[in-house]
Amino acid sequence: MVIDTGLSSCLPYSEGFYGERYMWTEIVSGILGVLVGTFIGHRLGIHRDKRIEFNAAAAPIYERLEQQRISFEAGLYADGIRQHELATISSMLSRCDRRRLNYWFPLYEESLRTCGHYPNGRFELVDACAVLDAIEKLQLLLSHR
């Protein structure tokens, strides 16, 4: 025996007790879907803004590394970037990329110090390969995202 409450004709998909329950689960799952979609969209929007900030901060340093790479390939010495120039970018990197930067930057500085010498008062480039390798690694970390 089915008791008619009078609501069954007003609600869609309602055929007694089970139909009303399924209707509510559809409404709740729809609301949850909208909330989850909004949350994911918000997180992706924040990530996009952080990526734009990183690219704006990394572009000048990347260009200086590119100019330095071209100079070393031509056999000329060019001044490198300093540790303090990477401070803002370091805070924007992930933990893994920050570890890579902390590993490669001292090697880059060391290769700049040991890439040549002054035999007759003029700088003579001896080993540009180590510097070029370190520049390439730093450029990979600072490339556009």
Protein backbone atom coordinates (compact mmCIF):
# COMPACT_ATOMS: atom_id res chain seq x y z
CA MET A 1 0.00 0.00 0.00
CA VAL A 2 1.47 3.36 -1.09
CA ILE A 3 0.59 6.49 0.82
CA ASP A 4 0.28 9.55 -1.39
CA THR A 5 1.69 12.66 0.32
CA GLY A 6 0.64 14.98 -2.45
CA LEU A 7 4.26 15.86 -3.26
CA SER A 8 4.78 13.05 -5.72
CA SER A 9 3.09 14.94 -8.54
CA CYS A 10 5.26 18.09 -7.93
CA LEU A 11 8.71 16.53 -7.80
CA PRO A 12 10.41 15.06 -10.88
CA TYR A 13 11.45 11.43 -10.78
CA SER A 14 9.41 10.83 -7.66
CA GLU A 15 7.71 7.53 -7.53
CA GLY A 16 7.26 6.90 -3.88
CA PHE A 17 10.04 6.80 -1.34
CA TYR A 18 12.88 5.50 -3.58
CA GLY A 19 12.33 8.04 -6.35
CA GLU A 20 12.51 10.97 -3.95
CA ARG A 21 15.75 9.68 -2.47
CA TYR A 22 17.36 9.33 -5.89
CA MET A 23 16.25 12.83 -6.82
CA TRP A 24 17.98 14.27 -3.74
CA THR A 25 21.19 12.40 -4.51
CA GLU A 26 21.15 13.89 -8.01
CA ILE A 27 20.74 17.39 -6.58
CA VAL A 28 23.46 16.87 -3.97
CA SER A 29 25.88 15.37 -6.49
CA GLY A 30 25.18 18.29 -8.85
CA ILE A 31 25.94 20.82 -6.13
CA LEU A 32 29.09 18.95 -5.13
CA GLY A 33 30.18 18.84 -8.78
CA VAL A 34 29.78 22.60 -9.11
CA LEU A 35 31.74 23.21 -5.89
CA VAL A 36 34.58 20.88 -6.89
CA GLY A 37 34.72 22.44 -10.37
CA THR A 38 34.87 25.93 -8.88
CA PHE A 39 37.65 24.91 -6.50
CA ILE A 40 39.74 23.32 -9.25
CA GLY A 41 39.22 26.32 -11.54
CA HIS A 42 40.30 28.66 -8.76
CA ARG A 43 43.46 26.65 -8.09
CA LEU A 44 44.34 26.60 -11.79
CA GLY A 45 43.82 30.37 -11.94
CA ILE A 46 46.20 30.90 -9.03
CA HIS A 47 48.78 28.62 -10.67
CA ARG A 48 48.51 30.62 -13.92
CA ASP A 49 49.16 33.88 -12.04
CA LYS A 50 52.21 32.41 -10.30
CA ARG A 51 53.53 31.16 -13.64
CA ILE A 52 53.17 34.65 -15.16
CA GLU A 53 55.05 36.19 -12.21
CA PHE A 54 57.82 33.59 -12.53
CA ASN A 55 58.23 34.19 -16.25
CA ALA A 56 58.44 37.95 -15.70
CA ALA A 57 61.16 37.52 -13.07
CA ALA A 58 63.11 34.81 -14.92
CA ALA A 59 63.16 36.37 -18.40
CA PRO A 60 65.93 38.97 -17.77
CA ILE A 61 68.18 36.42 -16.07
CA TYR A 62 67.56 33.89 -18.83
CA GLU A 63 68.52 36.51 -21.43
CA ARG A 64 71.74 37.35 -19.57
CA LEU A 65 72.63 33.67 -19.46
CA GLU A 66 71.92 33.41 -23.19
CA GLN A 67 74.20 36.37 -23.93
CA GLN A 68 76.87 34.86 -21.72
CA ARG A 69 76.57 31.53 -23.52
CA ILE A 70 77.01 33.24 -26.89
CA SER A 71 80.10 35.07 -25.58
CA PHE A 72 81.69 31.88 -24.27
CA GLU A 73 81.01 30.06 -27.53
CA ALA A 74 82.80 32.89 -29.32
CA GLY A 75 85.78 32.49 -26.96
CA LEU A 76 85.12 35.64 -24.93
CA TYR A 77 84.61 35.99 -21.20
CA ALA A 78 81.40 37.57 -19.92
CA ASP A 79 80.43 38.40 -16.35
CA GLY A 80 77.92 36.04 -14.84
CA ILE A 81 74.86 36.41 -12.72
CA ARG A 82 75.12 36.74 -8.96
CA GLN A 83 73.41 34.79 -6.18
CA HIS A 84 71.30 37.75 -5.02
CA GLU A 85 69.75 38.05 -8.49
CA LEU A 86 68.18 34.62 -8.03
CA ALA A 87 66.57 35.36 -4.66
CA THR A 88 63.11 36.20 -5.99
CA ILE A 89 63.12 33.34 -8.46
CA SER A 90 64.28 30.87 -5.83
CA SER A 91 61.20 31.58 -3.74
CA MET A 92 58.95 30.86 -6.74
CA LEU A 93 60.49 27.48 -7.56
CA SER A 94 59.25 24.16 -6.32
CA ARG A 95 61.28 22.38 -3.67
CA CYS A 96 62.83 20.03 -6.22
CA ASP A 97 63.77 22.86 -8.60
CA ARG A 98 65.15 24.89 -5.70
CA ARG A 99 67.43 21.96 -4.81
CA ARG A 100 68.60 21.79 -8.42
CA LEU A 101 69.29 25.52 -8.41
CA ASN A 102 71.22 25.24 -5.14
CA TYR A 103 73.25 22.41 -6.70
CA TRP A 104 73.95 23.98 -10.11
CA PHE A 105 74.58 27.60 -9.15
CA PRO A 106 77.73 26.93 -7.07
CA LEU A 107 79.04 24.76 -9.92
CA TYR A 108 78.30 27.62 -12.31
CA GLU A 109 80.20 30.10 -10.10
CA GLU A 110 83.13 27.69 -9.73
CA SER A 111 83.31 27.10 -13.48
CA LEU A 112 83.37 30.89 -14.04
CA ARG A 113 86.30 31.23 -11.63
CA THR A 114 88.30 28.41 -13.18
CA CYS A 115 87.53 28.80 -16.89
CA GLY A 116 90.66 30.79 -17.70
CA HIS A 117 93.66 32.73 -16.48
CA TYR A 118 95.72 35.88 -17.12
CA PRO A 119 99.07 34.80 -18.61
CA ASN A 120 100.22 38.21 -19.95
CA GLY A 121 97.78 40.57 -18.30
CA ARG A 122 95.08 39.54 -20.72
CA PHE A 123 92.37 36.99 -19.94
CA GLU A 124 92.72 33.73 -21.81
CA LEU A 125 89.78 31.37 -21.89
CA VAL A 126 90.91 27.79 -21.27
CA ASP A 127 87.85 25.67 -20.47
CA ALA A 128 84.51 26.99 -21.68
CA CYS A 129 82.81 23.57 -21.74
CA ALA A 130 82.15 23.47 -17.99
CA VAL A 131 80.69 26.98 -18.07
CA LEU A 132 78.51 26.18 -21.07
CA ASP A 133 77.22 23.04 -19.36
CA ALA A 134 76.37 24.97 -16.16
CA ILE A 135 74.66 27.74 -18.18
CA GLU A 136 72.58 25.13 -19.99
CA LYS A 137 71.46 23.59 -16.70
CA LEU A 138 70.51 26.97 -15.24
CA GLN A 139 68.61 27.87 -18.41
CA LEU A 140 66.58 24.68 -18.08
CA LEU A 141 65.51 25.76 -14.58
CA LEU A 142 64.69 29.31 -15.70
CA SER A 143 62.88 28.49 -18.94
CA HIS A 144 59.37 29.80 -19.59
CA ARG A 145 56.56 27.85 -17.99
